[in-house]
PDB file of N, CA and C in Angstrom:
ATOM      1  N   MET A   1       0.840  -1.171   0.000  1.00  0.00           N
ATOM      2  CA  MET A   1       0.000   0.000   0.000  1.00  0.00           C
ATOM      3  C   MET A   1       0.888   1.238   0.000  1.00  0.00           C
ATOM      4  N   THR A   2       0.731   2.050  -0.996  1.00  0.00           N
ATOM      5  CA  THR A   2       1.601   3.220  -1.140  1.00  0.00           C
ATOM      6  C   THR A   2       0.892   4.536  -0.905  1.00  0.00           C
ATOM      7  N   GLY A   3      -0.433   4.536  -0.882  1.00  0.00           N
ATOM      8  CA  GLY A   3      -1.176   5.775  -0.729  1.00  0.00           C
ATOM      9  C   GLY A   3      -1.434   6.454  -2.055  1.00  0.00           C
ATOM     10  N   LYS A   4      -0.761   5.980  -3.126  1.00  0.00           N
ATOM     11  CA  LYS A   4      -0.933   6.579  -4.446  1.00  0.00           C
ATOM     12  C   LYS A   4      -1.820   5.739  -5.347  1.00  0.00           C
ATOM     13  N   GLU A   5      -2.196   4.552  -4.871  1.00  0.00           N
ATOM     14  CA  GLU A   5      -3.084   3.700  -5.646  1.00  0.00           C
ATOM     15  C   GLU A   5      -4.458   4.349  -5.721  1.00  0.00           C
ATOM     16  N   ARG A   6      -5.150   4.123  -6.843  1.00  0.00           N
ATOM     17  CA  ARG A   6      -6.471   4.725  -7.029  1.00  0.00           C
ATOM     18  C   ARG A   6      -7.463   3.677  -7.490  1.00  0.00           C
ATOM     19  N   GLY A   7      -8.715   4.019  -7.358  1.00  0.00           N
ATOM     20  CA  GLY A   7      -9.779   3.175  -7.893  1.00  0.00           C
ATOM     21  C   GLY A   7     -10.402   2.269  -6.857  1.00  0.00           C
ATOM     22  N   PRO A   8     -11.451   1.565  -7.288  1.00  0.00           N
ATOM     23  CA  PRO A   8     -12.203   0.706  -6.369  1.00  0.00           C
ATOM     24  C   PRO A   8     -11.357  -0.393  -5.724  1.00  0.00           C
ATOM     25  N   ALA A   9     -10.447  -0.999  -6.473  1.00  0.00           N
ATOM     26  CA  ALA A   9      -9.622  -2.071  -5.903  1.00  0.00           C
ATOM     27  C   ALA A   9      -8.704  -1.528  -4.808  1.00  0.00           C
ATOM     28  N   ALA A  10      -8.137  -0.354  -5.024  1.00  0.00           N
ATOM     29  CA  ALA A  10      -7.274   0.260  -4.013  1.00  0.00           C
ATOM     30  C   ALA A  10      -8.072   0.620  -2.767  1.00  0.00           C
ATOM     31  N   ASN A  11      -9.262   1.148  -2.955  1.00  0.00           N
ATOM     32  CA  ASN A  11     -10.099   1.484  -1.802  1.00  0.00           C
ATOM     33  C   ASN A  11     -10.548   0.245  -1.055  1.00  0.00           C
ATOM     34  N   ARG A  12     -10.773  -0.834  -1.770  1.00  0.00           N
ATOM     35  CA  ARG A  12     -11.136  -2.095  -1.114  1.00  0.00           C
ATOM     36  C   ARG A  12      -9.975  -2.599  -0.254  1.00  0.00           C
ATOM     37  N   ARG A  13      -8.728  -2.488  -0.768  1.00  0.00           N
ATOM     38  CA  ARG A  13      -7.555  -2.891   0.019  1.00  0.00           C
ATOM     39  C   ARG A  13      -7.429  -2.026   1.274  1.00  0.00           C
ATOM     40  N   ARG A  14      -7.705  -0.749   1.135  1.00  0.00           N
ATOM     41  CA  ARG A  14      -7.654   0.138   2.305  1.00  0.00           C
ATOM     42  C   ARG A  14      -8.712  -0.258   3.341  1.00  0.00           C
ATOM     43  N   MET A  15      -9.924  -0.543   2.863  1.00  0.00           N
ATOM     44  CA  MET A  15     -10.988  -0.942   3.770  1.00  0.00           C
ATOM     45  C   MET A  15     -10.636  -2.273   4.441  1.00  0.00           C
ATOM     46  N   ASN A  16     -10.050  -3.203   3.696  1.00  0.00           N
ATOM     47  CA  ASN A  16      -9.616  -4.474   4.279  1.00  0.00           C
ATOM     48  C   ASN A  16      -8.601  -4.236   5.389  1.00  0.00           C
ATOM     49  N   ALA A  17      -7.652  -3.321   5.156  1.00  0.00           N
ATOM     50  CA  ALA A  17      -6.638  -3.025   6.163  1.00  0.00           C
ATOM     51  C   ALA A  17      -7.279  -2.439   7.418  1.00  0.00           C
ATOM     52  N   LEU A  18      -8.222  -1.524   7.246  1.00  0.00           N
ATOM     53  CA  LEU A  18      -8.887  -0.925   8.404  1.00  0.00           C
ATOM     54  C   LEU A  18      -9.702  -1.967   9.172  1.00  0.00           C
ATOM     55  N   HIS A  19     -10.369  -2.859   8.464  1.00  0.00           N
ATOM     56  CA  HIS A  19     -11.134  -3.917   9.132  1.00  0.00           C
ATOM     57  C   HIS A  19     -10.194  -4.879   9.856  1.00  0.00           C
ATOM     58  N   ALA A  20      -9.021  -5.157   9.287  1.00  0.00           N
ATOM     59  CA  ALA A  20      -8.047  -6.021   9.955  1.00  0.00           C
ATOM     60  C   ALA A  20      -7.592  -5.379  11.265  1.00  0.00           C
ATOM     61  N   LEU A  21      -7.362  -4.073  11.241  1.00  0.00           N
ATOM     62  CA  LEU A  21      -6.967  -3.372  12.464  1.00  0.00           C
ATOM     63  C   LEU A  21      -8.108  -3.368  13.488  1.00  0.00           C
ATOM     64  N   GLU A  22      -9.333  -3.277  12.994  1.00  0.00           N
ATOM     65  CA  GLU A  22     -10.486  -3.340  13.900  1.00  0.00           C
ATOM     66  C   GLU A  22     -10.569  -4.724  14.549  1.00  0.00           C
ATOM     67  N   ASN A  23     -10.397  -5.763  13.747  1.00  0.00           N
ATOM     68  CA  ASN A  23     -10.445  -7.127  14.277  1.00  0.00           C
ATOM     69  C   ASN A  23      -9.329  -7.380  15.286  1.00  0.00           C
ATOM     70  N   ALA A  24      -8.213  -6.654  15.149  1.00  0.00           N
ATOM     71  CA  ALA A  24      -7.089  -6.784  16.075  1.00  0.00           C
ATOM     72  C   ALA A  24      -7.292  -5.912  17.324  1.00  0.00           C
ATOM     73  N   GLY A  25      -8.394  -5.143  17.361  1.00  0.00           N
ATOM     74  CA  GLY A  25      -8.689  -4.315  18.520  1.00  0.00           C
ATOM     75  C   GLY A  25      -7.957  -2.991  18.562  1.00  0.00           C
ATOM     76  N   LEU A  26      -7.412  -2.549  17.421  1.00  0.00           N
ATOM     77  CA  LEU A  26      -6.637  -1.305  17.401  1.00  0.00           C
ATOM     78  C   LEU A  26      -7.466  -0.078  17.064  1.00  0.00           C
ATOM     79  N   LEU A  27      -8.631  -0.275  16.455  1.00  0.00           N
ATOM     80  CA  LEU A  27      -9.490   0.856  16.115  1.00  0.00           C
ATOM     81  C   LEU A  27     -10.908   0.363  15.922  1.00  0.00           C
ATOM     82  N   THR A  28     -11.809   1.317  15.787  1.00  0.00           N
ATOM     83  CA  THR A  28     -13.201   1.021  15.440  1.00  0.00           C
ATOM     84  C   THR A  28     -13.466   1.651  14.083  1.00  0.00           C
ATOM     85  N   PHE A  29     -13.852   0.823  13.119  1.00  0.00           N
ATOM     86  CA  PHE A  29     -14.181   1.316  11.785  1.00  0.00           C
ATOM     87  C   PHE A  29     -15.605   1.843  11.828  1.00  0.00           C
ATOM     88  N   VAL A  30     -15.792   3.092  11.424  1.00  0.00           N
ATOM     89  CA  VAL A  30     -17.116   3.706  11.489  1.00  0.00           C
ATOM     90  C   VAL A  30     -17.802   3.675  10.129  1.00  0.00           C
ATOM     91  N   ARG A  31     -17.138   4.226   9.113  1.00  0.00           N
ATOM     92  CA  ARG A  31     -17.785   4.255   7.794  1.00  0.00           C
ATOM     93  C   ARG A  31     -16.777   4.607   6.698  1.00  0.00           C
ATOM     94  N   SER A  32     -17.216   4.311   5.486  1.00  0.00           N
ATOM     95  CA  SER A  32     -16.533   4.707   4.264  1.00  0.00           C
ATOM     96  C   SER A  32     -17.574   5.418   3.426  1.00  0.00           C
ATOM     97  N   ALA A  33     -17.230   6.586   2.913  1.00  0.00           N
ATOM     98  CA  ALA A  33     -18.215   7.362   2.143  1.00  0.00           C
ATOM     99  C   ALA A  33     -17.539   8.035   0.960  1.00  0.00           C
ATOM    100  N   PRO A  34     -18.302   8.281  -0.102  1.00  0.00           N
ATOM    101  CA  PRO A  34     -17.733   9.014  -1.231  1.00  0.00           C
ATOM    102  C   PRO A  34     -17.300  10.412  -0.784  1.00  0.00           C
ATOM    103  N   ALA A  35     -16.219  10.885  -1.369  1.00  0.00           N
ATOM    104  CA  ALA A  35     -15.718  12.233  -1.079  1.00  0.00           C
ATOM    105  C   ALA A  35     -15.126  12.801  -2.354  1.00  0.00           C
ATOM    106  N   GLU A  36     -14.922  14.077  -2.361  1.00  0.00           N
ATOM    107  CA  GLU A  36     -14.327  14.717  -3.535  1.00  0.00           C
ATOM    108  C   GLU A  36     -12.942  14.119  -3.776  1.00  0.00           C
ATOM    109  N   GLY A  37     -12.743  13.592  -4.972  1.00  0.00           N
ATOM    110  CA  GLY A  37     -11.449  13.016  -5.321  1.00  0.00           C
ATOM    111  C   GLY A  37     -11.220  11.602  -4.828  1.00  0.00           C
ATOM    112  N   GLY A  38     -12.222  10.913  -4.309  1.00  0.00           N
ATOM    113  CA  GLY A  38     -12.028   9.535  -3.861  1.00  0.00           C
ATOM    114  C   GLY A  38     -13.026   9.133  -2.801  1.00  0.00           C
ATOM    115  N   ARG A  39     -12.516   8.523  -1.729  1.00  0.00           N
ATOM    116  CA  ARG A  39     -13.356   8.093  -0.615  1.00  0.00           C
ATOM    117  C   ARG A  39     -12.816   8.697   0.664  1.00  0.00           C
ATOM    118  N   GLN A  40     -13.656   8.683   1.657  1.00  0.00           N
ATOM    119  CA  GLN A  40     -13.299   9.183   2.981  1.00  0.00           C
ATOM    120  C   GLN A  40     -13.619   8.070   3.975  1.00  0.00           C
ATOM    121  N   PHE A  41     -12.673   7.785   4.854  1.00  0.00           N
ATOM    122  CA  PHE A  41     -12.832   6.721   5.837  1.00  0.00           C
ATOM    123  C   PHE A  41     -12.830   7.338   7.227  1.00  0.00           C
ATOM    124  N   THR A  42     -13.767   6.905   8.068  1.00  0.00           N
ATOM    125  CA  THR A  42     -13.843   7.408   9.433  1.00  0.00           C
ATOM    126  C   THR A  42     -13.582   6.250  10.390  1.00  0.00           C
ATOM    127  N   VAL A  43     -12.624   6.450  11.301  1.00  0.00           N
ATOM    128  CA  VAL A  43     -12.267   5.445  12.298  1.00  0.00           C
ATOM    129  C   VAL A  43     -12.144   6.133  13.656  1.00  0.00           C
ATOM    130  N   ILE A  44     -12.207   5.337  14.712  1.00  0.00           N
ATOM    131  CA  ILE A  44     -11.995   5.841  16.065  1.00  0.00           C
ATOM    132  C   ILE A  44     -10.838   5.065  16.677  1.00  0.00           C
ATOM    133  N   VAL A  45      -9.867   5.814  17.180  1.00  0.00           N
ATOM    134  CA  VAL A  45      -8.719   5.219  17.865  1.00  0.00           C
ATOM    135  C   VAL A  45      -8.615   5.880  19.229  1.00  0.00           C
ATOM    136  N   ARG A  46      -8.653   5.045  20.280  1.00  0.00           N
ATOM    137  CA  ARG A  46      -8.563   5.544  21.661  1.00  0.00           C
ATOM    138  C   ARG A  46      -9.534   6.690  21.928  1.00  0.00           C
ATOM    139  N   GLY A  47     -10.756   6.543  21.444  1.00  0.00           N
ATOM    140  CA  GLY A  47     -11.801   7.517  21.701  1.00  0.00           C
ATOM    141  C   GLY A  47     -11.783   8.755  20.819  1.00  0.00           C
ATOM    142  N   LYS A  48     -10.816   8.857  19.920  1.00  0.00           N
ATOM    143  CA  LYS A  48     -10.735  10.027  19.050  1.00  0.00           C
ATOM    144  C   LYS A  48     -11.106   9.637  17.621  1.00  0.00           C
ATOM    145  N   GLU A  49     -12.017  10.416  17.027  1.00  0.00           N
ATOM    146  CA  GLU A  49     -12.442  10.155  15.650  1.00  0.00           C
ATOM    147  C   GLU A  49     -11.422  10.736  14.673  1.00  0.00           C
ATOM    148  N   HIS A  50     -11.082   9.943  13.675  1.00  0.00           N
ATOM    149  CA  HIS A  50     -10.169  10.366  12.609  1.00  0.00           C
ATOM    150  C   HIS A  50     -10.896  10.212  11.279  1.00  0.00           C
ATOM    151  N   VAL A  51     -10.954  11.278  10.504  1.00  0.00           N
ATOM    152  CA  VAL A  51     -11.543  11.245   9.170  1.00  0.00           C
ATOM    153  C   VAL A  51     -10.384  11.315   8.188  1.00  0.00           C
ATOM    154  N   LEU A  52     -10.238  10.261   7.396  1.00  0.00           N
ATOM    155  CA  LEU A  52      -9.088  10.113   6.513  1.00  0.00           C
ATOM    156  C   LEU A  52      -9.493  10.121   5.050  1.00  0.00           C
ATOM    157  N   ALA A  53      -8.788  10.891   4.257  1.00  0.00           N
ATOM    158  CA  ALA A  53      -8.935  10.795   2.808  1.00  0.00           C
ATOM    159  C   ALA A  53      -8.327   9.460   2.393  1.00  0.00           C
ATOM    160  N   SER A  54      -8.758   8.918   1.271  1.00  0.00           N
ATOM    161  CA  SER A  54      -8.228   7.623   0.842  1.00  0.00           C
ATOM    162  C   SER A  54      -6.704   7.651   0.732  1.00  0.00           C
ATOM    163  N   SER A  55      -6.131   8.786   0.331  1.00  0.00           N
ATOM    164  CA  SER A  55      -4.678   8.886   0.195  1.00  0.00           C
ATOM    165  C   SER A  55      -3.952   8.913   1.537  1.00  0.00           C
ATOM    166  N   GLU A  56      -4.670   9.108   2.638  1.00  0.00           N
ATOM    167  CA  GLU A  56      -4.064   9.165   3.962  1.00  0.00           C
ATOM    168  C   GLU A  56      -4.120   7.840   4.719  1.00  0.00           C
ATOM    169  N   VAL A  57      -4.929   6.916   4.240  1.00  0.00           N
ATOM    170  CA  VAL A  57      -5.159   5.672   4.978  1.00  0.00           C
ATOM    171  C   VAL A  57      -3.872   4.864   5.137  1.00  0.00           C
ATOM    172  N   ASP A  58      -3.094   4.716   4.090  1.00  0.00           N
ATOM    173  CA  ASP A  58      -1.909   3.866   4.148  1.00  0.00           C
ATOM    174  C   ASP A  58      -0.917   4.362   5.202  1.00  0.00           C
ATOM    175  N   ALA A  59      -0.640   5.654   5.209  1.00  0.00           N
ATOM    176  CA  ALA A  59       0.279   6.221   6.197  1.00  0.00           C
ATOM    177  C   ALA A  59      -0.300   6.085   7.609  1.00  0.00           C
ATOM    178  N   PHE A  60      -1.605   6.258   7.756  1.00  0.00           N
ATOM    179  CA  PHE A  60      -2.259   6.116   9.057  1.00  0.00           C
ATOM    180  C   PHE A  60      -2.093   4.689   9.567  1.00  0.00           C
ATOM    181  N   VAL A  61      -2.329   3.705   8.704  1.00  0.00           N
ATOM    182  CA  VAL A  61      -2.198   2.299   9.084  1.00  0.00           C
ATOM    183  C   VAL A  61      -0.765   2.002   9.502  1.00  0.00           C
ATOM    184  N   ARG A  62       0.214   2.422   8.696  1.00  0.00           N
ATOM    185  CA  ARG A  62       1.627   2.184   9.047  1.00  0.00           C
ATOM    186  C   ARG A  62       1.986   2.861  10.371  1.00  0.00           C
ATOM    187  N   GLY A  63       1.517   4.078  10.572  1.00  0.00           N
ATOM    188  CA  GLY A  63       1.811   4.796  11.812  1.00  0.00           C
ATOM    189  C   GLY A  63       1.201   4.131  13.026  1.00  0.00           C
ATOM    190  N   LEU A  64      -0.038   3.670  12.901  1.00  0.00           N
ATOM    191  CA  LEU A  64      -0.703   2.997  14.009  1.00  0.00           C
ATOM    192  C   LEU A  64       0.013   1.699  14.373  1.00  0.00           C
ATOM    193  N   LEU A  65       0.403   0.938  13.363  1.00  0.00           N
ATOM    194  CA  LEU A  65       1.138  -0.305  13.630  1.00  0.00           C
ATOM    195  C   LEU A  65       2.484  -0.016  14.274  1.00  0.00           C
ATOM    196  N   ALA A  66       3.179   1.017  13.808  1.00  0.00           N
ATOM    197  CA  ALA A  66       4.474   1.379  14.391  1.00  0.00           C
ATOM    198  C   ALA A  66       4.306   1.845  15.838  1.00  0.00           C
ATOM    199  N   ALA A  67       3.282   2.644  16.088  1.00  0.00           N
ATOM    200  CA  ALA A  67       3.064   3.184  17.433  1.00  0.00           C
ATOM    201  C   ALA A  67       2.704   2.094  18.442  1.00  0.00           C
ATOM    202  N   THR A  68       2.008   1.067  17.980  1.00  0.00           N
ATOM    203  CA  THR A  68       1.574   0.005  18.888  1.00  0.00           C
ATOM    204  C   THR A  68       2.548  -1.169  18.924  1.00  0.00           C
ATOM    205  N   GLY A  69       3.452  -1.229  17.949  1.00  0.00           N
ATOM    206  CA  GLY A  69       4.386  -2.350  17.888  1.00  0.00           C
ATOM    207  C   GLY A  69       3.722  -3.653  17.491  1.00  0.00           C
ATOM    208  N   ARG A  70       2.524  -3.570  16.943  1.00  0.00           N
ATOM    209  CA  ARG A  70       1.766  -4.768  16.568  1.00  0.00           C
ATOM    210  C   ARG A  70       2.035  -5.148  15.116  1.00  0.00           C
ATOM    211  N   THR A  71       1.824  -6.412  14.819  1.00  0.00           N
ATOM    212  CA  THR A  71       1.862  -6.915  13.454  1.00  0.00           C
ATOM    213  C   THR A  71       0.479  -7.463  13.135  1.00  0.00           C
ATOM    214  N   VAL A  72      -0.093  -7.014  12.024  1.00  0.00           N
ATOM    215  CA  VAL A  72      -1.442  -7.437  11.643  1.00  0.00           C
ATOM    216  C   VAL A  72      -1.423  -7.806  10.161  1.00  0.00           C
ATOM    217  N   ASP A  73      -2.055  -8.924   9.809  1.00  0.00           N
ATOM    218  CA  ASP A  73      -2.178  -9.329   8.410  1.00  0.00           C
ATOM    219  C   ASP A  73      -3.174  -8.401   7.729  1.00  0.00           C
ATOM    220  N   LEU A  74      -2.668  -7.553   6.850  1.00  0.00           N
ATOM    221  CA  LEU A  74      -3.531  -6.581   6.165  1.00  0.00           C
ATOM    222  C   LEU A  74      -4.017  -7.080   4.816  1.00  0.00           C
ATOM    223  N   GLU A  75      -3.563  -8.233   4.388  1.00  0.00           N
ATOM    224  CA  GLU A  75      -3.869  -8.723   3.046  1.00  0.00           C
ATOM    225  C   GLU A  75      -5.077  -9.642   2.976  1.00  0.00           C
ATOM    226  N   THR A  76      -5.541 -10.169   4.106  1.00  0.00           N
ATOM    227  CA  THR A  76      -6.672 -11.078   4.082  1.00  0.00           C
ATOM    228  C   THR A  76      -7.945 -10.305   3.748  1.00  0.00           C
ATOM    229  N   PRO A  77      -8.644 -10.685   2.696  1.00  0.00           N
ATOM    230  CA  PRO A  77      -9.862  -9.963   2.305  1.00  0.00           C
ATOM    231  C   PRO A  77     -10.930 -10.028   3.384  1.00  0.00           C
ATOM    232  N   PHE A  78     -11.600  -8.917   3.577  1.00  0.00           N
ATOM    233  CA  PHE A  78     -12.724  -8.848   4.497  1.00  0.00           C
ATOM    234  C   PHE A  78     -13.974  -9.190   3.709  1.00  0.00           C
ATOM    235  N   PRO A  79     -14.891  -9.968   4.283  1.00  0.00           N
ATOM    236  CA  PRO A  79     -16.109 -10.341   3.534  1.00  0.00           C
ATOM    237  C   PRO A  79     -16.895  -9.118   3.070  1.00  0.00           C
ATOM    238  N   GLU A  80     -17.486  -9.234   1.893  1.00  0.00           N
ATOM    239  CA  GLU A  80     -18.342  -8.168   1.363  1.00  0.00           C
ATOM    240  C   GLU A  80     -19.547  -7.998   2.267  1.00  0.00           C
ATOM    241  N   ASP A  81     -20.024  -6.760   2.394  1.00  0.00           N
ATOM    242  CA  ASP A  81     -21.211  -6.490   3.216  1.00  0.00           C
ATOM    243  C   ASP A  81     -22.456  -6.968   2.529  1.00  0.00           C
TER     244      ASP A  81
END
């Protein structure tokens, strides 16, 4: 994940990564919504809401993993809703 990927497949990978972090107990995934220039993802970490542009998700995920020292499988697909 580089943050420069675009399109539905890239956004699906980002959503999978956020759901993997949620399953690991590192955040709460709130929603994904259309936004100007892509998608917007809303998550809660330690009680604080973060609204991320699709281009910010990858850096956020890497930073959260680095800050917690955790390793999480980000590649496993999350089931479709």
